[in-house]
């Protein structure tokens, strides 16, 4: 059974209008919601590097 309600809620959270959601192919949907291969949580070292490179100025 396809979890349409869950998929529509996810689309809404991503800012995808219902009309656009229904035009997506399954491949396009998967590309939108799946994490890239090898993606994981940001480590402390990477976070510190980002803070140094892009200070928020505040």
PDB file of N, CA and C in Angstrom:
ATOM      1  N   UNK A   1       0.841  -1.181   0.000  1.00  0.00           N
ATOM      2  CA  UNK A   1       0.000   0.000   0.000  1.00  0.00           C
ATOM      3  C   UNK A   1       0.888   1.247   0.000  1.00  0.00           C
ATOM      4  N   UNK A   2       0.613   2.170  -0.852  1.00  0.00           N
ATOM      5  CA  UNK A   2       1.401   3.404  -0.971  1.00  0.00           C
ATOM      6  C   UNK A   2       0.948   4.405   0.088  1.00  0.00           C
ATOM      7  N   UNK A   3       1.871   4.969   0.850  1.00  0.00           N
ATOM      8  CA  UNK A   3       1.519   5.926   1.913  1.00  0.00           C
ATOM      9  C   UNK A   3       1.287   7.341   1.369  1.00  0.00           C
ATOM     10  N   UNK A   4       0.220   7.517   0.597  1.00  0.00           N
ATOM     11  CA  UNK A   4      -0.029   8.794  -0.069  1.00  0.00           C
ATOM     12  C   UNK A   4      -0.110   9.961   0.901  1.00  0.00           C
ATOM     13  N   UNK A   5      -0.820   9.783   2.017  1.00  0.00           N
ATOM     14  CA  UNK A   5      -0.977  10.892   2.971  1.00  0.00           C
ATOM     15  C   UNK A   5       0.378  11.337   3.505  1.00  0.00           C
ATOM     16  N   UNK A   6       1.222  10.379   3.865  1.00  0.00           N
ATOM     17  CA  UNK A   6       2.557  10.706   4.364  1.00  0.00           C
ATOM     18  C   UNK A   6       3.381  11.407   3.286  1.00  0.00           C
ATOM     19  N   UNK A   7       3.284  10.920   2.072  1.00  0.00           N
ATOM     20  CA  UNK A   7       4.030  11.523   0.969  1.00  0.00           C
ATOM     21  C   UNK A   7       3.562  12.951   0.710  1.00  0.00           C
ATOM     22  N   UNK A   8       2.255  13.185   0.769  1.00  0.00           N
ATOM     23  CA  UNK A   8       1.728  14.539   0.570  1.00  0.00           C
ATOM     24  C   UNK A   8       2.163  15.477   1.692  1.00  0.00           C
ATOM     25  N   UNK A   9       2.185  14.990   2.931  1.00  0.00           N
ATOM     26  CA  UNK A   9       2.663  15.815   4.046  1.00  0.00           C
ATOM     27  C   UNK A   9       4.135  16.177   3.848  1.00  0.00           C
ATOM     28  N   UNK A  10       4.925  15.222   3.409  1.00  0.00           N
ATOM     29  CA  UNK A  10       6.341  15.483   3.160  1.00  0.00           C
ATOM     30  C   UNK A  10       6.494  16.510   2.041  1.00  0.00           C
ATOM     31  N   UNK A  11       5.712  16.353   0.983  1.00  0.00           N
ATOM     32  CA  UNK A  11       5.763  17.308  -0.123  1.00  0.00           C
ATOM     33  C   UNK A  11       5.409  18.708   0.359  1.00  0.00           C
ATOM     34  N   UNK A  12       4.378  18.818   1.188  1.00  0.00           N
ATOM     35  CA  UNK A  12       3.976  20.122   1.711  1.00  0.00           C
ATOM     36  C   UNK A  12       5.093  20.721   2.554  1.00  0.00           C
ATOM     37  N   UNK A  13       5.750  19.900   3.374  1.00  0.00           N
ATOM     38  CA  UNK A  13       6.860  20.388   4.198  1.00  0.00           C
ATOM     39  C   UNK A  13       8.023  20.863   3.343  1.00  0.00           C
ATOM     40  N   UNK A  14       8.181  20.277   2.158  1.00  0.00           N
ATOM     41  CA  UNK A  14       9.242  20.684   1.233  1.00  0.00           C
ATOM     42  C   UNK A  14       8.823  21.872   0.371  1.00  0.00           C
ATOM     43  N   UNK A  15       7.580  22.312   0.521  1.00  0.00           N
ATOM     44  CA  UNK A  15       7.083  23.443  -0.261  1.00  0.00           C
ATOM     45  C   UNK A  15       6.607  23.064  -1.651  1.00  0.00           C
ATOM     46  N   UNK A  16       6.300  21.788  -1.854  1.00  0.00           N
ATOM     47  CA  UNK A  16       5.826  21.311  -3.154  1.00  0.00           C
ATOM     48  C   UNK A  16       4.304  21.346  -3.153  1.00  0.00           C
ATOM     49  N   UNK A  17       3.737  22.088  -4.072  1.00  0.00           N
ATOM     50  CA  UNK A  17       2.279  22.184  -4.173  1.00  0.00           C
ATOM     51  C   UNK A  17       1.695  20.840  -4.598  1.00  0.00           C
ATOM     52  N   UNK A  18       0.449  20.553  -4.189  1.00  0.00           N
ATOM     53  CA  UNK A  18      -0.172  19.280  -4.574  1.00  0.00           C
ATOM     54  C   UNK A  18      -0.153  19.027  -6.078  1.00  0.00           C
ATOM     55  N   UNK A  19      -0.392  20.067  -6.873  1.00  0.00           N
ATOM     56  CA  UNK A  19      -0.396  19.896  -8.326  1.00  0.00           C
ATOM     57  C   UNK A  19       0.970  19.445  -8.824  1.00  0.00           C
ATOM     58  N   UNK A  20       2.014  20.031  -8.266  1.00  0.00           N
ATOM     59  CA  UNK A  20       3.380  19.657  -8.654  1.00  0.00           C
ATOM     60  C   UNK A  20       3.718  18.252  -8.157  1.00  0.00           C
ATOM     61  N   UNK A  21       3.247  17.913  -6.951  1.00  0.00           N
ATOM     62  CA  UNK A  21       3.483  16.577  -6.407  1.00  0.00           C
ATOM     63  C   UNK A  21       2.938  15.513  -7.350  1.00  0.00           C
ATOM     64  N   UNK A  22       1.717  15.699  -7.824  1.00  0.00           N
ATOM     65  CA  UNK A  22       1.087  14.676  -8.666  1.00  0.00           C
ATOM     66  C   UNK A  22       1.734  14.588 -10.041  1.00  0.00           C
ATOM     67  N   UNK A  23       2.490  15.603 -10.452  1.00  0.00           N
ATOM     68  CA  UNK A  23       3.189  15.547 -11.739  1.00  0.00           C
ATOM     69  C   UNK A  23       4.560  14.873 -11.633  1.00  0.00           C
ATOM     70  N   UNK A  24       5.058  14.678 -10.412  1.00  0.00           N
ATOM     71  CA  UNK A  24       6.368  14.052 -10.229  1.00  0.00           C
ATOM     72  C   UNK A  24       6.343  12.577 -10.606  1.00  0.00           C
ATOM     73  N   UNK A  25       7.424  12.126 -11.210  1.00  0.00           N
ATOM     74  CA  UNK A  25       7.578  10.688 -11.419  1.00  0.00           C
ATOM     75  C   UNK A  25       8.082  10.090 -10.104  1.00  0.00           C
ATOM     76  N   UNK A  26       7.994   8.784  -9.978  1.00  0.00           N
ATOM     77  CA  UNK A  26       8.501   8.129  -8.781  1.00  0.00           C
ATOM     78  C   UNK A  26      10.000   8.378  -8.631  1.00  0.00           C
ATOM     79  N   UNK A  27      10.726   8.357  -9.721  1.00  0.00           N
ATOM     80  CA  UNK A  27      12.170   8.630  -9.690  1.00  0.00           C
ATOM     81  C   UNK A  27      12.445  10.046  -9.175  1.00  0.00           C
ATOM     82  N   UNK A  28      11.690  11.028  -9.643  1.00  0.00           N
ATOM     83  CA  UNK A  28      11.877  12.405  -9.182  1.00  0.00           C
ATOM     84  C   UNK A  28      11.567  12.519  -7.684  1.00  0.00           C
ATOM     85  N   UNK A  29      10.495  11.857  -7.256  1.00  0.00           N
ATOM     86  CA  UNK A  29      10.130  11.888  -5.839  1.00  0.00           C
ATOM     87  C   UNK A  29      11.256  11.320  -4.977  1.00  0.00           C
ATOM     88  N   UNK A  30      11.767  10.179  -5.380  1.00  0.00           N
ATOM     89  CA  UNK A  30      12.850   9.562  -4.612  1.00  0.00           C
ATOM     90  C   UNK A  30      14.069  10.465  -4.546  1.00  0.00           C
ATOM     91  N   UNK A  31      14.386  11.147  -5.635  1.00  0.00           N
ATOM     92  CA  UNK A  31      15.531  12.053  -5.645  1.00  0.00           C
ATOM     93  C   UNK A  31      15.320  13.218  -4.674  1.00  0.00           C
ATOM     94  N   UNK A  32      14.082  13.655  -4.524  1.00  0.00           N
ATOM     95  CA  UNK A  32      13.784  14.766  -3.627  1.00  0.00           C
ATOM     96  C   UNK A  32      13.865  14.384  -2.157  1.00  0.00           C
ATOM     97  N   UNK A  33      13.483  13.156  -1.828  1.00  0.00           N
ATOM     98  CA  UNK A  33      13.357  12.804  -0.415  1.00  0.00           C
ATOM     99  C   UNK A  33      14.470  11.921   0.129  1.00  0.00           C
ATOM    100  N   UNK A  34      15.269  11.304  -0.723  1.00  0.00           N
ATOM    101  CA  UNK A  34      16.332  10.442  -0.224  1.00  0.00           C
ATOM    102  C   UNK A  34      17.595  11.251   0.019  1.00  0.00           C
ATOM    103  N   UNK A  35      18.278  10.907   1.096  1.00  0.00           N
ATOM    104  CA  UNK A  35      19.558  11.559   1.404  1.00  0.00           C
ATOM    105  C   UNK A  35      20.602  11.067   0.409  1.00  0.00           C
ATOM    106  N   UNK A  36      21.520  11.931   0.016  1.00  0.00           N
ATOM    107  CA  UNK A  36      22.594  11.491  -0.882  1.00  0.00           C
ATOM    108  C   UNK A  36      23.406  10.362  -0.252  1.00  0.00           C
ATOM    109  N   UNK A  37      23.948   9.513  -1.070  1.00  0.00           N
ATOM    110  CA  UNK A  37      24.779   8.417  -0.580  1.00  0.00           C
ATOM    111  C   UNK A  37      25.951   8.983   0.206  1.00  0.00           C
ATOM    112  N   UNK A  38      26.203   8.407   1.350  1.00  0.00           N
ATOM    113  CA  UNK A  38      27.305   8.855   2.170  1.00  0.00           C
ATOM    114  C   UNK A  38      26.989  10.049   3.047  1.00  0.00           C
ATOM    115  N   UNK A  39      25.780  10.589   2.924  1.00  0.00           N
ATOM    116  CA  UNK A  39      25.412  11.729   3.752  1.00  0.00           C
ATOM    117  C   UNK A  39      25.187  11.265   5.184  1.00  0.00           C
ATOM    118  N   UNK A  40      25.587  12.056   6.107  1.00  0.00           N
ATOM    119  CA  UNK A  40      25.406  11.733   7.504  1.00  0.00           C
ATOM    120  C   UNK A  40      25.424  12.996   8.330  1.00  0.00           C
ATOM    121  N   UNK A  41      25.367  12.837   9.617  1.00  0.00           N
ATOM    122  CA  UNK A  41      25.387  14.009  10.490  1.00  0.00           C
ATOM    123  C   UNK A  41      26.689  14.788  10.347  1.00  0.00           C
ATOM    124  N   UNK A  42      26.610  16.063  10.554  1.00  0.00           N
ATOM    125  CA  UNK A  42      27.773  16.928  10.496  1.00  0.00           C
ATOM    126  C   UNK A  42      28.618  16.700  11.739  1.00  0.00           C
ATOM    127  N   UNK A  43      29.883  16.400  11.563  1.00  0.00           N
ATOM    128  CA  UNK A  43      30.790  16.184  12.687  1.00  0.00           C
ATOM    129  C   UNK A  43      31.244  17.495  13.293  1.00  0.00           C
ATOM    130  N   UNK A  44      31.770  17.408  14.491  1.00  0.00           N
ATOM    131  CA  UNK A  44      32.215  18.606  15.214  1.00  0.00           C
ATOM    132  C   UNK A  44      33.292  19.372  14.448  1.00  0.00           C
ATOM    133  N   UNK A  45      34.246  18.658  13.876  1.00  0.00           N
ATOM    134  CA  UNK A  45      35.331  19.316  13.137  1.00  0.00           C
ATOM    135  C   UNK A  45      34.779  20.081  11.937  1.00  0.00           C
ATOM    136  N   UNK A  46      33.869  19.457  11.195  1.00  0.00           N
ATOM    137  CA  UNK A  46      33.275  20.117  10.032  1.00  0.00           C
ATOM    138  C   UNK A  46      32.454  21.332  10.464  1.00  0.00           C
ATOM    139  N   UNK A  47      31.744  21.212  11.584  1.00  0.00           N
ATOM    140  CA  UNK A  47      30.963  22.338  12.098  1.00  0.00           C
ATOM    141  C   UNK A  47      31.879  23.498  12.468  1.00  0.00           C
ATOM    142  N   UNK A  48      32.947  23.220  13.174  1.00  0.00           N
ATOM    143  CA  UNK A  48      33.885  24.281  13.560  1.00  0.00           C
ATOM    144  C   UNK A  48      34.509  24.951  12.346  1.00  0.00           C
ATOM    145  N   UNK A  49      34.822  24.160  11.319  1.00  0.00           N
ATOM    146  CA  UNK A  49      35.376  24.710  10.080  1.00  0.00           C
ATOM    147  C   UNK A  49      34.360  25.646   9.414  1.00  0.00           C
ATOM    148  N   UNK A  50      33.091  25.238   9.393  1.00  0.00           N
ATOM    149  CA  UNK A  50      32.056  26.081   8.798  1.00  0.00           C
ATOM    150  C   UNK A  50      31.889  27.375   9.581  1.00  0.00           C
ATOM    151  N   UNK A  51      31.930  27.286  10.909  1.00  0.00           N
ATOM    152  CA  UNK A  51      31.795  28.485  11.736  1.00  0.00           C
ATOM    153  C   UNK A  51      32.920  29.465  11.450  1.00  0.00           C
ATOM    154  N   UNK A  52      34.134  28.943  11.274  1.00  0.00           N
ATOM    155  CA  UNK A  52      35.268  29.805  10.976  1.00  0.00           C
ATOM    156  C   UNK A  52      35.153  30.422   9.579  1.00  0.00           C
ATOM    157  N   UNK A  53      34.708  29.635   8.605  1.00  0.00           N
ATOM    158  CA  UNK A  53      34.622  30.116   7.230  1.00  0.00           C
ATOM    159  C   UNK A  53      33.464  31.072   6.998  1.00  0.00           C
ATOM    160  N   UNK A  54      32.350  30.843   7.689  1.00  0.00           N
ATOM    161  CA  UNK A  54      31.148  31.655   7.469  1.00  0.00           C
ATOM    162  C   UNK A  54      30.578  32.148   8.797  1.00  0.00           C
ATOM    163  N   UNK A  55      31.261  33.095   9.426  1.00  0.00           N
ATOM    164  CA  UNK A  55      30.732  33.634  10.693  1.00  0.00           C
ATOM    165  C   UNK A  55      29.416  34.371  10.438  1.00  0.00           C
ATOM    166  N   UNK A  56      28.533  34.309  11.414  1.00  0.00           N
ATOM    167  CA  UNK A  56      27.224  34.940  11.212  1.00  0.00           C
ATOM    168  C   UNK A  56      27.238  36.431  11.500  1.00  0.00           C
ATOM    169  N   UNK A  57      28.315  36.939  12.060  1.00  0.00           N
ATOM    170  CA  UNK A  57      28.438  38.368  12.274  1.00  0.00           C
ATOM    171  C   UNK A  57      27.581  38.890  13.426  1.00  0.00           C
ATOM    172  N   UNK A  58      26.951  37.982  14.134  1.00  0.00           N
ATOM    173  CA  UNK A  58      26.057  38.434  15.197  1.00  0.00           C
ATOM    174  C   UNK A  58      26.558  38.072  16.478  1.00  0.00           C
TER     175      UNK A  58
END
